[in-house]
Amino acid sequence: MKTKTLRSHLLLLLLLLFFSVYANAQEKKWYLVTDTEQKIEMSRVSSFVATDTEETFSILDFQGNILVKDVLKATFSLLDPTGIKEIKVQGNMLESFVDNVLTLIGVEGDIEIFSVNGMKLLSVKATKQETRINVSHFTSGVYLVKCGKQTFKFNKK
């Protein structure tokens, strides 16, 4: 068992080194994604712990605390730190970068804008085919837009 754990520690350290060098060159970050779709930023992961008698393993942080237990499988993914992908709104791509006005086309119903820490900043009702929202008073950064059951991100310049 010690050999198995030592090998996983060495492999993890090599992977961490590779991922940290590669991710620093990009805006995206490396995450460990479990079989239950839990995403853990690699900078938080210290090691994996498993026994010969179990089919699952646990993921530990640098203090030895269990981040996730009973993991069957995990993969590495390079993701946006918000975890939200750029996706289409009824056939139209939401712009990534916004200066002063966020324009949503083909969206109806309630629209809410949140900071990345979850604070609701604005709520509007979309009643037209094209909805323009003034975001000039927002500071530069990443924001989340909730349109119905879908959530999108945008970057304020």
C-alpha atoms as a PDB file:
ATOM      1  CA  MET A   1       0.000   0.000   0.000  1.00  0.00           C
ATOM      2  CA  LYS A   2       2.851   2.430   0.795  1.00  0.00           C
ATOM      3  CA  THR A   3       4.324   1.931  -2.671  1.00  0.00           C
ATOM      4  CA  LYS A   4       0.970   2.592  -4.318  1.00  0.00           C
ATOM      5  CA  THR A   5       0.478   5.804  -2.303  1.00  0.00           C
ATOM      6  CA  LEU A   6       4.067   6.957  -2.913  1.00  0.00           C
ATOM      7  CA  ARG A   7       3.687   6.460  -6.657  1.00  0.00           C
ATOM      8  CA  SER A   8       0.431   8.443  -6.689  1.00  0.00           C
ATOM      9  CA  HIS A   9       2.093  11.237  -4.685  1.00  0.00           C
ATOM     10  CA  LEU A  10       5.015  11.440  -7.124  1.00  0.00           C
ATOM     11  CA  LEU A  11       2.696  11.371 -10.122  1.00  0.00           C
ATOM     12  CA  LEU A  12       0.492  14.030  -8.568  1.00  0.00           C
ATOM     13  CA  LEU A  13       3.490  16.271  -7.833  1.00  0.00           C
ATOM     14  CA  LEU A  14       4.702  15.987 -11.418  1.00  0.00           C
ATOM     15  CA  LEU A  15       1.216  16.713 -12.725  1.00  0.00           C
ATOM     16  CA  LEU A  16       0.853  19.696 -10.367  1.00  0.00           C
ATOM     17  CA  LEU A  17       4.128  21.135 -11.593  1.00  0.00           C
ATOM     18  CA  PHE A  18       3.138  20.692 -15.223  1.00  0.00           C
ATOM     19  CA  PHE A  19      -0.359  22.104 -14.697  1.00  0.00           C
ATOM     20  CA  SER A  20       0.817  25.134 -12.710  1.00  0.00           C
ATOM     21  CA  VAL A  21       3.382  26.123 -15.362  1.00  0.00           C
ATOM     22  CA  TYR A  22       0.912  25.581 -18.190  1.00  0.00           C
ATOM     23  CA  ALA A  23      -2.043  27.283 -16.482  1.00  0.00           C
ATOM     24  CA  ASN A  24      -0.055  30.380 -15.511  1.00  0.00           C
ATOM     25  CA  ALA A  25       0.336  31.146 -19.199  1.00  0.00           C
ATOM     26  CA  GLN A  26      -3.439  31.195 -19.649  1.00  0.00           C
ATOM     27  CA  GLU A  27      -6.519  32.725 -18.087  1.00  0.00           C
ATOM     28  CA  LYS A  28      -7.973  29.267 -17.506  1.00  0.00           C
ATOM     29  CA  LYS A  29      -7.030  27.047 -14.562  1.00  0.00           C
ATOM     30  CA  TRP A  30      -6.581  23.310 -14.133  1.00  0.00           C
ATOM     31  CA  TYR A  31      -9.281  21.496 -12.179  1.00  0.00           C
ATOM     32  CA  LEU A  32      -9.658  17.945 -11.001  1.00  0.00           C
ATOM     33  CA  VAL A  33     -13.156  16.854 -12.056  1.00  0.00           C
ATOM     34  CA  THR A  34     -14.622  13.867 -10.207  1.00  0.00           C
ATOM     35  CA  ASP A  35     -17.078  11.285 -11.474  1.00  0.00           C
ATOM     36  CA  THR A  36     -19.855  13.256  -9.688  1.00  0.00           C
ATOM     37  CA  GLU A  37     -18.818  16.464 -11.568  1.00  0.00           C
ATOM     38  CA  GLN A  38     -17.241  18.101  -8.508  1.00  0.00           C
ATOM     39  CA  LYS A  39     -14.538  20.533  -9.638  1.00  0.00           C
ATOM     40  CA  ILE A  40     -11.516  21.181  -7.427  1.00  0.00           C
ATOM     41  CA  GLU A  41      -8.853  23.675  -8.424  1.00  0.00           C
ATOM     42  CA  MET A  42      -5.538  21.811  -8.687  1.00  0.00           C
ATOM     43  CA  SER A  43      -3.775  24.379  -6.483  1.00  0.00           C
ATOM     44  CA  ARG A  44      -5.890  23.014  -3.584  1.00  0.00           C
ATOM     45  CA  VAL A  45      -5.068  19.326  -4.191  1.00  0.00           C
ATOM     46  CA  SER A  46      -2.221  17.729  -2.269  1.00  0.00           C
ATOM     47  CA  SER A  47      -2.716  13.995  -2.707  1.00  0.00           C
ATOM     48  CA  PHE A  48      -4.967  11.028  -3.349  1.00  0.00           C
ATOM     49  CA  VAL A  49      -5.508   8.347  -0.724  1.00  0.00           C
ATOM     50  CA  ALA A  50      -6.724   4.834  -1.483  1.00  0.00           C
ATOM     51  CA  THR A  51      -6.543   1.402   0.057  1.00  0.00           C
ATOM     52  CA  ASP A  52      -6.153  -1.984  -1.570  1.00  0.00           C
ATOM     53  CA  THR A  53      -9.567  -3.070  -0.287  1.00  0.00           C
ATOM     54  CA  GLU A  54     -11.621  -0.133  -1.612  1.00  0.00           C
ATOM     55  CA  GLU A  55     -12.526   0.751  -5.188  1.00  0.00           C
ATOM     56  CA  THR A  56     -12.760   4.461  -4.367  1.00  0.00           C
ATOM     57  CA  PHE A  57     -10.234   7.062  -3.258  1.00  0.00           C
ATOM     58  CA  SER A  58     -10.197  10.387  -1.434  1.00  0.00           C
ATOM     59  CA  ILE A  59      -8.689  13.702  -2.496  1.00  0.00           C
ATOM     60  CA  LEU A  60      -6.805  15.644   0.192  1.00  0.00           C
ATOM     61  CA  ASP A  61      -5.732  19.271   0.587  1.00  0.00           C
ATOM     62  CA  PHE A  62      -2.334  20.410   1.882  1.00  0.00           C
ATOM     63  CA  GLN A  63      -3.458  20.260   5.536  1.00  0.00           C
ATOM     64  CA  GLY A  64      -4.533  16.631   5.134  1.00  0.00           C
ATOM     65  CA  ASN A  65      -8.256  17.461   5.087  1.00  0.00           C
ATOM     66  CA  ILE A  66     -10.498  15.433   2.801  1.00  0.00           C
ATOM     67  CA  LEU A  67     -11.793  17.584  -0.051  1.00  0.00           C
ATOM     68  CA  VAL A  68     -13.807  14.774  -1.667  1.00  0.00           C
ATOM     69  CA  LYS A  69     -14.215  11.141  -0.664  1.00  0.00           C
ATOM     70  CA  ASP A  70     -15.570   8.041  -2.381  1.00  0.00           C
ATOM     71  CA  VAL A  71     -14.292   9.076  -5.814  1.00  0.00           C
ATOM     72  CA  LEU A  72     -14.417   6.373  -8.484  1.00  0.00           C
ATOM     73  CA  LYS A  73     -12.760   8.342 -11.268  1.00  0.00           C
ATOM     74  CA  ALA A  74     -11.261  11.795 -11.795  1.00  0.00           C
ATOM     75  CA  THR A  75     -10.056  13.696 -14.831  1.00  0.00           C
ATOM     76  CA  PHE A  76      -8.051  16.876 -15.324  1.00  0.00           C
ATOM     77  CA  SER A  77      -9.660  19.778 -17.174  1.00  0.00           C
ATOM     78  CA  LEU A  78      -8.497  23.252 -18.115  1.00  0.00           C
ATOM     79  CA  LEU A  79     -11.489  25.444 -17.220  1.00  0.00           C
ATOM     80  CA  ASP A  80     -12.466  29.053 -16.865  1.00  0.00           C
ATOM     81  CA  PRO A  81     -12.234  29.981 -13.139  1.00  0.00           C
ATOM     82  CA  THR A  82     -15.985  30.687 -13.039  1.00  0.00           C
ATOM     83  CA  GLY A  83     -16.687  27.184 -14.334  1.00  0.00           C
ATOM     84  CA  ILE A  84     -19.146  28.652 -16.817  1.00  0.00           C
ATOM     85  CA  LYS A  85     -18.640  28.197 -20.516  1.00  0.00           C
ATOM     86  CA  GLU A  86     -19.503  30.663 -23.234  1.00  0.00           C
ATOM     87  CA  ILE A  87     -22.782  29.354 -24.622  1.00  0.00           C
ATOM     88  CA  LYS A  88     -25.418  30.516 -27.074  1.00  0.00           C
ATOM     89  CA  VAL A  89     -28.564  32.414 -26.183  1.00  0.00           C
ATOM     90  CA  GLN A  90     -31.223  31.232 -28.641  1.00  0.00           C
ATOM     91  CA  GLY A  91     -28.805  31.177 -31.546  1.00  0.00           C
ATOM     92  CA  ASN A  92     -26.796  34.282 -30.627  1.00  0.00           C
ATOM     93  CA  MET A  93     -23.447  34.208 -28.848  1.00  0.00           C
ATOM     94  CA  LEU A  94     -23.244  36.364 -25.739  1.00  0.00           C
ATOM     95  CA  GLU A  95     -20.291  38.710 -26.160  1.00  0.00           C
ATOM     96  CA  SER A  96     -17.327  37.970 -23.936  1.00  0.00           C
ATOM     97  CA  PHE A  97     -16.226  41.560 -23.365  1.00  0.00           C
ATOM     98  CA  VAL A  98     -18.586  44.448 -22.706  1.00  0.00           C
ATOM     99  CA  ASP A  99     -17.709  48.149 -22.502  1.00  0.00           C
ATOM    100  CA  ASN A 100     -20.816  49.953 -21.220  1.00  0.00           C
ATOM    101  CA  VAL A 101     -23.866  48.175 -22.615  1.00  0.00           C
ATOM    102  CA  LEU A 102     -24.679  44.464 -22.475  1.00  0.00           C
ATOM    103  CA  THR A 103     -26.947  43.506 -25.378  1.00  0.00           C
ATOM    104  CA  LEU A 104     -29.020  40.318 -25.200  1.00  0.00           C
ATOM    105  CA  ILE A 105     -30.901  39.196 -28.313  1.00  0.00           C
ATOM    106  CA  GLY A 106     -33.742  36.708 -28.260  1.00  0.00           C
ATOM    107  CA  VAL A 107     -34.043  36.636 -24.459  1.00  0.00           C
ATOM    108  CA  GLU A 108     -37.423  37.034 -22.768  1.00  0.00           C
ATOM    109  CA  GLY A 109     -38.386  37.132 -19.100  1.00  0.00           C
ATOM    110  CA  ASP A 110     -36.369  38.026 -16.030  1.00  0.00           C
ATOM    111  CA  ILE A 111     -32.674  38.807 -16.354  1.00  0.00           C
ATOM    112  CA  GLU A 112     -30.446  39.042 -13.291  1.00  0.00           C
ATOM    113  CA  ILE A 113     -26.800  40.072 -13.120  1.00  0.00           C
ATOM    114  CA  PHE A 114     -24.570  38.798 -10.314  1.00  0.00           C
ATOM    115  CA  SER A 115     -20.972  39.344  -9.238  1.00  0.00           C
ATOM    116  CA  VAL A 116     -18.870  36.160  -9.269  1.00  0.00           C
ATOM    117  CA  ASN A 117     -19.237  35.908  -5.477  1.00  0.00           C
ATOM    118  CA  GLY A 118     -23.028  35.619  -5.886  1.00  0.00           C
ATOM    119  CA  MET A 119     -24.206  39.142  -5.023  1.00  0.00           C
ATOM    120  CA  LYS A 120     -27.218  40.224  -7.121  1.00  0.00           C
ATOM    121  CA  LEU A 121     -26.377  43.554  -8.744  1.00  0.00           C
ATOM    122  CA  LEU A 122     -29.230  44.152 -11.148  1.00  0.00           C
ATOM    123  CA  SER A 123     -32.580  42.711 -12.163  1.00  0.00           C
ATOM    124  CA  VAL A 124     -34.449  43.651 -15.342  1.00  0.00           C
ATOM    125  CA  LYS A 125     -37.339  42.283 -17.356  1.00  0.00           C
ATOM    126  CA  ALA A 126     -36.672  41.530 -21.005  1.00  0.00           C
ATOM    127  CA  THR A 127     -39.765  42.311 -23.052  1.00  0.00           C
ATOM    128  CA  LYS A 128     -38.239  42.976 -26.457  1.00  0.00           C
ATOM    129  CA  GLN A 129     -36.369  40.910 -28.993  1.00  0.00           C
ATOM    130  CA  GLU A 130     -33.259  42.935 -28.070  1.00  0.00           C
ATOM    131  CA  THR A 131     -32.524  43.959 -24.480  1.00  0.00           C
ATOM    132  CA  ARG A 132     -29.826  46.525 -23.742  1.00  0.00           C
ATOM    133  CA  ILE A 133     -28.526  46.788 -20.170  1.00  0.00           C
ATOM    134  CA  ASN A 134     -26.317  49.681 -19.022  1.00  0.00           C
ATOM    135  CA  VAL A 135     -23.343  48.238 -17.109  1.00  0.00           C
ATOM    136  CA  SER A 136     -21.131  51.342 -17.301  1.00  0.00           C
ATOM    137  CA  HIS A 137     -21.207  51.694 -13.492  1.00  0.00           C
ATOM    138  CA  PHE A 138     -19.823  48.151 -12.993  1.00  0.00           C
ATOM    139  CA  THR A 139     -16.112  47.835 -12.241  1.00  0.00           C
ATOM    140  CA  SER A 140     -13.934  45.796 -14.612  1.00  0.00           C
ATOM    141  CA  GLY A 141     -14.240  42.061 -14.028  1.00  0.00           C
ATOM    142  CA  VAL A 142     -16.297  38.925 -14.594  1.00  0.00           C
ATOM    143  CA  TYR A 143     -20.073  38.939 -14.066  1.00  0.00           C
ATOM    144  CA  LEU A 144     -22.806  36.328 -14.353  1.00  0.00           C
ATOM    145  CA  VAL A 145     -26.080  36.829 -16.215  1.00  0.00           C
ATOM    146  CA  LYS A 146     -29.040  34.609 -15.365  1.00  0.00           C
ATOM    147  CA  CYS A 147     -31.705  34.333 -18.055  1.00  0.00           C
ATOM    148  CA  GLY A 148     -34.389  31.886 -16.956  1.00  0.00           C
ATOM    149  CA  LYS A 149     -32.636  28.613 -16.129  1.00  0.00           C
ATOM    150  CA  GLN A 150     -29.446  29.446 -18.043  1.00  0.00           C
ATOM    151  CA  THR A 151     -26.440  31.270 -16.664  1.00  0.00           C
ATOM    152  CA  PHE A 152     -23.829  33.040 -18.787  1.00  0.00           C
ATOM    153  CA  LYS A 153     -20.731  35.054 -18.052  1.00  0.00           C
ATOM    154  CA  PHE A 154     -19.412  38.298 -19.442  1.00  0.00           C
ATOM    155  CA  ASN A 155     -16.314  40.370 -18.836  1.00  0.00           C
ATOM    156  CA  LYS A 156     -16.716  44.086 -18.188  1.00  0.00           C
ATOM    157  CA  LYS A 157     -13.787  46.059 -19.659  1.00  0.00           C
END
